[in-house]
Amino acid sequence: MTKYIHNSGFAMLCLGVVLLLLGYTFGWTDANAFTLSAAALVVLGAALHVYFLKKESKY
């Protein structure tokens, strides 16, 4: 179970990138809520990914 929690940050990052790509491909850039939520997923996913990497490290 903890393996999936450690990968959740990277999964959020990838989901945010995919949503941003789909939004720009299909022209959904008029909705600020969609664009900002996808960007928030990218930022939070990157922060969680770095946090879990630092937590696993011995240094």
PDB file of N, CA and C in Angstrom:
ATOM      1  N   MET A   1       0.808  -1.192   0.000  1.00  0.00           N
ATOM      2  CA  MET A   1       0.000   0.000   0.000  1.00  0.00           C
ATOM      3  C   MET A   1       0.857   1.264   0.000  1.00  0.00           C
ATOM      4  N   THR A   2       1.958   1.244   0.752  1.00  0.00           N
ATOM      5  CA  THR A   2       2.803   2.438   0.804  1.00  0.00           C
ATOM      6  C   THR A   2       3.501   2.696  -0.524  1.00  0.00           C
ATOM      7  N   LYS A   3       3.658   1.641  -1.331  1.00  0.00           N
ATOM      8  CA  LYS A   3       4.269   1.833  -2.649  1.00  0.00           C
ATOM      9  C   LYS A   3       3.399   2.743  -3.502  1.00  0.00           C
ATOM     10  N   TYR A   4       2.085   2.589  -3.378  1.00  0.00           N
ATOM     11  CA  TYR A   4       1.171   3.413  -4.163  1.00  0.00           C
ATOM     12  C   TYR A   4       1.118   4.849  -3.637  1.00  0.00           C
ATOM     13  N   ILE A   5       1.272   5.001  -2.344  1.00  0.00           N
ATOM     14  CA  ILE A   5       1.279   6.345  -1.773  1.00  0.00           C
ATOM     15  C   ILE A   5       2.547   7.089  -2.208  1.00  0.00           C
ATOM     16  N   HIS A   6       3.664   6.396  -2.285  1.00  0.00           N
ATOM     17  CA  HIS A   6       4.914   7.029  -2.702  1.00  0.00           C
ATOM     18  C   HIS A   6       4.869   7.437  -4.164  1.00  0.00           C
ATOM     19  N   ASN A   7       4.062   6.769  -4.969  1.00  0.00           N
ATOM     20  CA  ASN A   7       3.952   7.114  -6.388  1.00  0.00           C
ATOM     21  C   ASN A   7       2.816   8.095  -6.666  1.00  0.00           C
ATOM     22  N   SER A   8       2.089   8.508  -5.649  1.00  0.00           N
ATOM     23  CA  SER A   8       0.942   9.384  -5.871  1.00  0.00           C
ATOM     24  C   SER A   8       1.352  10.772  -6.378  1.00  0.00           C
ATOM     25  N   GLY A   9       2.490  11.274  -5.925  1.00  0.00           N
ATOM     26  CA  GLY A   9       2.942  12.579  -6.407  1.00  0.00           C
ATOM     27  C   GLY A   9       3.260  12.556  -7.890  1.00  0.00           C
ATOM     28  N   PHE A  10       3.942  11.499  -8.325  1.00  0.00           N
ATOM     29  CA  PHE A  10       4.263  11.385  -9.747  1.00  0.00           C
ATOM     30  C   PHE A  10       3.000  11.169 -10.574  1.00  0.00           C
ATOM     31  N   ALA A  11       2.040  10.432 -10.035  1.00  0.00           N
ATOM     32  CA  ALA A  11       0.778  10.206 -10.742  1.00  0.00           C
ATOM     33  C   ALA A  11      -0.010  11.510 -10.888  1.00  0.00           C
ATOM     34  N   MET A  12      -0.016  12.338  -9.832  1.00  0.00           N
ATOM     35  CA  MET A  12      -0.686  13.637  -9.923  1.00  0.00           C
ATOM     36  C   MET A  12      -0.010  14.527 -10.949  1.00  0.00           C
ATOM     37  N   LEU A  13       1.306  14.493 -10.982  1.00  0.00           N
ATOM     38  CA  LEU A  13       2.060  15.283 -11.948  1.00  0.00           C
ATOM     39  C   LEU A  13       1.696  14.870 -13.375  1.00  0.00           C
ATOM     40  N   CYS A  14       1.693  13.577 -13.630  1.00  0.00           N
ATOM     41  CA  CYS A  14       1.371  13.075 -14.971  1.00  0.00           C
ATOM     42  C   CYS A  14      -0.068  13.380 -15.350  1.00  0.00           C
ATOM     43  N   LEU A  15      -0.992  13.240 -14.402  1.00  0.00           N
ATOM     44  CA  LEU A  15      -2.394  13.546 -14.680  1.00  0.00           C
ATOM     45  C   LEU A  15      -2.571  15.020 -15.025  1.00  0.00           C
ATOM     46  N   GLY A  16      -1.890  15.888 -14.317  1.00  0.00           N
ATOM     47  CA  GLY A  16      -1.970  17.317 -14.618  1.00  0.00           C
ATOM     48  C   GLY A  16      -1.419  17.654 -15.992  1.00  0.00           C
ATOM     49  N   VAL A  17      -0.315  17.017 -16.368  1.00  0.00           N
ATOM     50  CA  VAL A  17       0.268  17.258 -17.691  1.00  0.00           C
ATOM     51  C   VAL A  17      -0.671  16.757 -18.786  1.00  0.00           C
ATOM     52  N   VAL A  18      -1.243  15.594 -18.594  1.00  0.00           N
ATOM     53  CA  VAL A  18      -2.176  15.041 -19.585  1.00  0.00           C
ATOM     54  C   VAL A  18      -3.405  15.942 -19.714  1.00  0.00           C
ATOM     55  N   LEU A  19      -3.918  16.433 -18.595  1.00  0.00           N
ATOM     56  CA  LEU A  19      -5.070  17.334 -18.655  1.00  0.00           C
ATOM     57  C   LEU A  19      -4.728  18.641 -19.365  1.00  0.00           C
ATOM     58  N   LEU A  20      -3.537  19.171 -19.108  1.00  0.00           N
ATOM     59  CA  LEU A  20      -3.138  20.393 -19.814  1.00  0.00           C
ATOM     60  C   LEU A  20      -3.006  20.155 -21.314  1.00  0.00           C
ATOM     61  N   LEU A  21      -2.416  19.025 -21.688  1.00  0.00           N
ATOM     62  CA  LEU A  21      -2.283  18.712 -23.114  1.00  0.00           C
ATOM     63  C   LEU A  21      -3.642  18.526 -23.773  1.00  0.00           C
ATOM     64  N   LEU A  22      -4.546  17.822 -23.111  1.00  0.00           N
ATOM     65  CA  LEU A  22      -5.893  17.641 -23.664  1.00  0.00           C
ATOM     66  C   LEU A  22      -6.636  18.969 -23.763  1.00  0.00           C
ATOM     67  N   GLY A  23      -6.469  19.808 -22.755  1.00  0.00           N
ATOM     68  CA  GLY A  23      -7.133  21.111 -22.771  1.00  0.00           C
ATOM     69  C   GLY A  23      -6.680  21.985 -23.919  1.00  0.00           C
ATOM     70  N   TYR A  24      -5.393  22.006 -24.177  1.00  0.00           N
ATOM     71  CA  TYR A  24      -4.896  22.820 -25.284  1.00  0.00           C
ATOM     72  C   TYR A  24      -5.195  22.178 -26.633  1.00  0.00           C
ATOM     73  N   THR A  25      -5.239  20.855 -26.699  1.00  0.00           N
ATOM     74  CA  THR A  25      -5.550  20.176 -27.956  1.00  0.00           C
ATOM     75  C   THR A  25      -6.996  20.422 -28.380  1.00  0.00           C
ATOM     76  N   PHE A  26      -7.913  20.335 -27.413  1.00  0.00           N
ATOM     77  CA  PHE A  26      -9.328  20.484 -27.734  1.00  0.00           C
ATOM     78  C   PHE A  26      -9.839  21.905 -27.568  1.00  0.00           C
ATOM     79  N   GLY A  27      -8.984  22.832 -27.214  1.00  0.00           N
ATOM     80  CA  GLY A  27      -9.367  24.236 -27.129  1.00  0.00           C
ATOM     81  C   GLY A  27     -10.188  24.572 -25.903  1.00  0.00           C
ATOM     82  N   TRP A  28      -9.933  23.902 -24.784  1.00  0.00           N
ATOM     83  CA  TRP A  28     -10.676  24.179 -23.555  1.00  0.00           C
ATOM     84  C   TRP A  28      -9.969  25.232 -22.721  1.00  0.00           C
ATOM     85  N   THR A  29      -9.233  26.110 -23.344  1.00  0.00           N
ATOM     86  CA  THR A  29      -8.451  27.100 -22.602  1.00  0.00           C
ATOM     87  C   THR A  29      -9.286  28.297 -22.170  1.00  0.00           C
ATOM     88  N   ASP A  30     -10.547  28.372 -22.585  1.00  0.00           N
ATOM     89  CA  ASP A  30     -11.395  29.483 -22.172  1.00  0.00           C
ATOM     90  C   ASP A  30     -11.819  29.354 -20.709  1.00  0.00           C
ATOM     91  N   ALA A  31     -11.837  28.138 -20.195  1.00  0.00           N
ATOM     92  CA  ALA A  31     -12.263  27.918 -18.811  1.00  0.00           C
ATOM     93  C   ALA A  31     -11.052  28.013 -17.883  1.00  0.00           C
ATOM     94  N   ASN A  32     -11.041  29.035 -17.051  1.00  0.00           N
ATOM     95  CA  ASN A  32      -9.921  29.217 -16.134  1.00  0.00           C
ATOM     96  C   ASN A  32      -9.863  28.129 -15.078  1.00  0.00           C
ATOM     97  N   ALA A  33     -11.020  27.635 -14.657  1.00  0.00           N
ATOM     98  CA  ALA A  33     -11.048  26.616 -13.604  1.00  0.00           C
ATOM     99  C   ALA A  33     -10.354  25.343 -14.071  1.00  0.00           C
ATOM    100  N   PHE A  34     -10.584  24.954 -15.304  1.00  0.00           N
ATOM    101  CA  PHE A  34      -9.953  23.748 -15.836  1.00  0.00           C
ATOM    102  C   PHE A  34      -8.443  23.920 -15.930  1.00  0.00           C
ATOM    103  N   THR A  35      -8.003  25.032 -16.465  1.00  0.00           N
ATOM    104  CA  THR A  35      -6.573  25.273 -16.638  1.00  0.00           C
ATOM    105  C   THR A  35      -5.863  25.400 -15.293  1.00  0.00           C
ATOM    106  N   LEU A  36      -6.471  26.107 -14.363  1.00  0.00           N
ATOM    107  CA  LEU A  36      -5.844  26.289 -13.051  1.00  0.00           C
ATOM    108  C   LEU A  36      -5.828  24.994 -12.243  1.00  0.00           C
ATOM    109  N   SER A  37      -6.865  24.180 -12.367  1.00  0.00           N
ATOM    110  CA  SER A  37      -6.866  22.912 -11.630  1.00  0.00           C
ATOM    111  C   SER A  37      -5.811  21.965 -12.197  1.00  0.00           C
ATOM    112  N   ALA A  38      -5.636  21.944 -13.511  1.00  0.00           N
ATOM    113  CA  ALA A  38      -4.593  21.106 -14.100  1.00  0.00           C
ATOM    114  C   ALA A  38      -3.212  21.615 -13.707  1.00  0.00           C
ATOM    115  N   ALA A  39      -3.026  22.917 -13.679  1.00  0.00           N
ATOM    116  CA  ALA A  39      -1.742  23.480 -13.264  1.00  0.00           C
ATOM    117  C   ALA A  39      -1.484  23.212 -11.777  1.00  0.00           C
ATOM    118  N   ALA A  40      -2.530  23.250 -10.967  1.00  0.00           N
ATOM    119  CA  ALA A  40      -2.378  22.942  -9.541  1.00  0.00           C
ATOM    120  C   ALA A  40      -1.992  21.481  -9.341  1.00  0.00           C
ATOM    121  N   LEU A  41      -2.534  20.588 -10.156  1.00  0.00           N
ATOM    122  CA  LEU A  41      -2.143  19.180 -10.078  1.00  0.00           C
ATOM    123  C   LEU A  41      -0.662  19.014 -10.399  1.00  0.00           C
ATOM    124  N   VAL A  42      -0.179  19.752 -11.373  1.00  0.00           N
ATOM    125  CA  VAL A  42       1.234  19.662 -11.737  1.00  0.00           C
ATOM    126  C   VAL A  42       2.111  20.154 -10.591  1.00  0.00           C
ATOM    127  N   VAL A  43       1.778  21.283 -10.019  1.00  0.00           N
ATOM    128  CA  VAL A  43       2.592  21.858  -8.945  1.00  0.00           C
ATOM    129  C   VAL A  43       2.544  20.982  -7.693  1.00  0.00           C
ATOM    130  N   LEU A  44       1.352  20.558  -7.291  1.00  0.00           N
ATOM    131  CA  LEU A  44       1.234  19.711  -6.103  1.00  0.00           C
ATOM    132  C   LEU A  44       1.872  18.345  -6.318  1.00  0.00           C
ATOM    133  N   GLY A  45       1.736  17.817  -7.523  1.00  0.00           N
ATOM    134  CA  GLY A  45       2.357  16.536  -7.823  1.00  0.00           C
ATOM    135  C   GLY A  45       3.865  16.616  -7.759  1.00  0.00           C
ATOM    136  N   ALA A  46       4.429  17.688  -8.269  1.00  0.00           N
ATOM    137  CA  ALA A  46       5.881  17.854  -8.212  1.00  0.00           C
ATOM    138  C   ALA A  46       6.353  18.017  -6.768  1.00  0.00           C
ATOM    139  N   ALA A  47       5.605  18.784  -5.978  1.00  0.00           N
ATOM    140  CA  ALA A  47       5.984  18.979  -4.576  1.00  0.00           C
ATOM    141  C   ALA A  47       5.899  17.665  -3.798  1.00  0.00           C
ATOM    142  N   LEU A  48       4.847  16.893  -4.007  1.00  0.00           N
ATOM    143  CA  LEU A  48       4.720  15.604  -3.328  1.00  0.00           C
ATOM    144  C   LEU A  48       5.796  14.623  -3.761  1.00  0.00           C
ATOM    145  N   HIS A  49       6.109  14.640  -5.034  1.00  0.00           N
ATOM    146  CA  HIS A  49       7.140  13.732  -5.543  1.00  0.00           C
ATOM    147  C   HIS A  49       8.490  14.037  -4.901  1.00  0.00           C
ATOM    148  N   VAL A  50       8.848  15.296  -4.824  1.00  0.00           N
ATOM    149  CA  VAL A  50      10.106  15.689  -4.198  1.00  0.00           C
ATOM    150  C   VAL A  50      10.078  15.361  -2.711  1.00  0.00           C
ATOM    151  N   TYR A  51       8.941  15.593  -2.045  1.00  0.00           N
ATOM    152  CA  TYR A  51       8.825  15.289  -0.620  1.00  0.00           C
ATOM    153  C   TYR A  51       9.051  13.802  -0.356  1.00  0.00           C
ATOM    154  N   PHE A  52       8.406  12.937  -1.139  1.00  0.00           N
ATOM    155  CA  PHE A  52       8.563  11.503  -0.930  1.00  0.00           C
ATOM    156  C   PHE A  52       9.970  11.027  -1.277  1.00  0.00           C
ATOM    157  N   LEU A  53      10.611  11.637  -2.265  1.00  0.00           N
ATOM    158  CA  LEU A  53      11.995  11.284  -2.577  1.00  0.00           C
ATOM    159  C   LEU A  53      12.928  11.661  -1.424  1.00  0.00           C
ATOM    160  N   LYS A  54      12.724  12.841  -0.851  1.00  0.00           N
ATOM    161  CA  LYS A  54      13.560  13.266   0.271  1.00  0.00           C
ATOM    162  C   LYS A  54      13.284  12.417   1.507  1.00  0.00           C
ATOM    163  N   LYS A  55      12.042  11.998   1.691  1.00  0.00           N
ATOM    164  CA  LYS A  55      11.693  11.194   2.860  1.00  0.00           C
ATOM    165  C   LYS A  55      12.330   9.810   2.793  1.00  0.00           C
ATOM    166  N   GLU A  56      12.451   9.242   1.589  1.00  0.00           N
ATOM    167  CA  GLU A  56      13.050   7.924   1.423  1.00  0.00           C
ATOM    168  C   GLU A  56      14.582   7.954   1.551  1.00  0.00           C
ATOM    169  N   SER A  57      15.181   9.090   1.262  1.00  0.00           N
ATOM    170  CA  SER A  57      16.633   9.194   1.247  1.00  0.00           C
ATOM    171  C   SER A  57      17.195   9.157   2.664  1.00  0.00           C
ATOM    172  N   LYS A  58      18.404   8.628   2.786  1.00  0.00           N
ATOM    173  CA  LYS A  58      19.085   8.575   4.075  1.00  0.00           C
ATOM    174  C   LYS A  58      19.808   9.879   4.387  1.00  0.00           C
ATOM    175  N   TYR A  59      19.940  10.759   3.398  1.00  0.00           N
ATOM    176  CA  TYR A  59      20.733  11.967   3.584  1.00  0.00           C
ATOM    177  C   TYR A  59      19.883  13.151   3.906  1.00  0.00           C
TER     178      TYR A  59
END
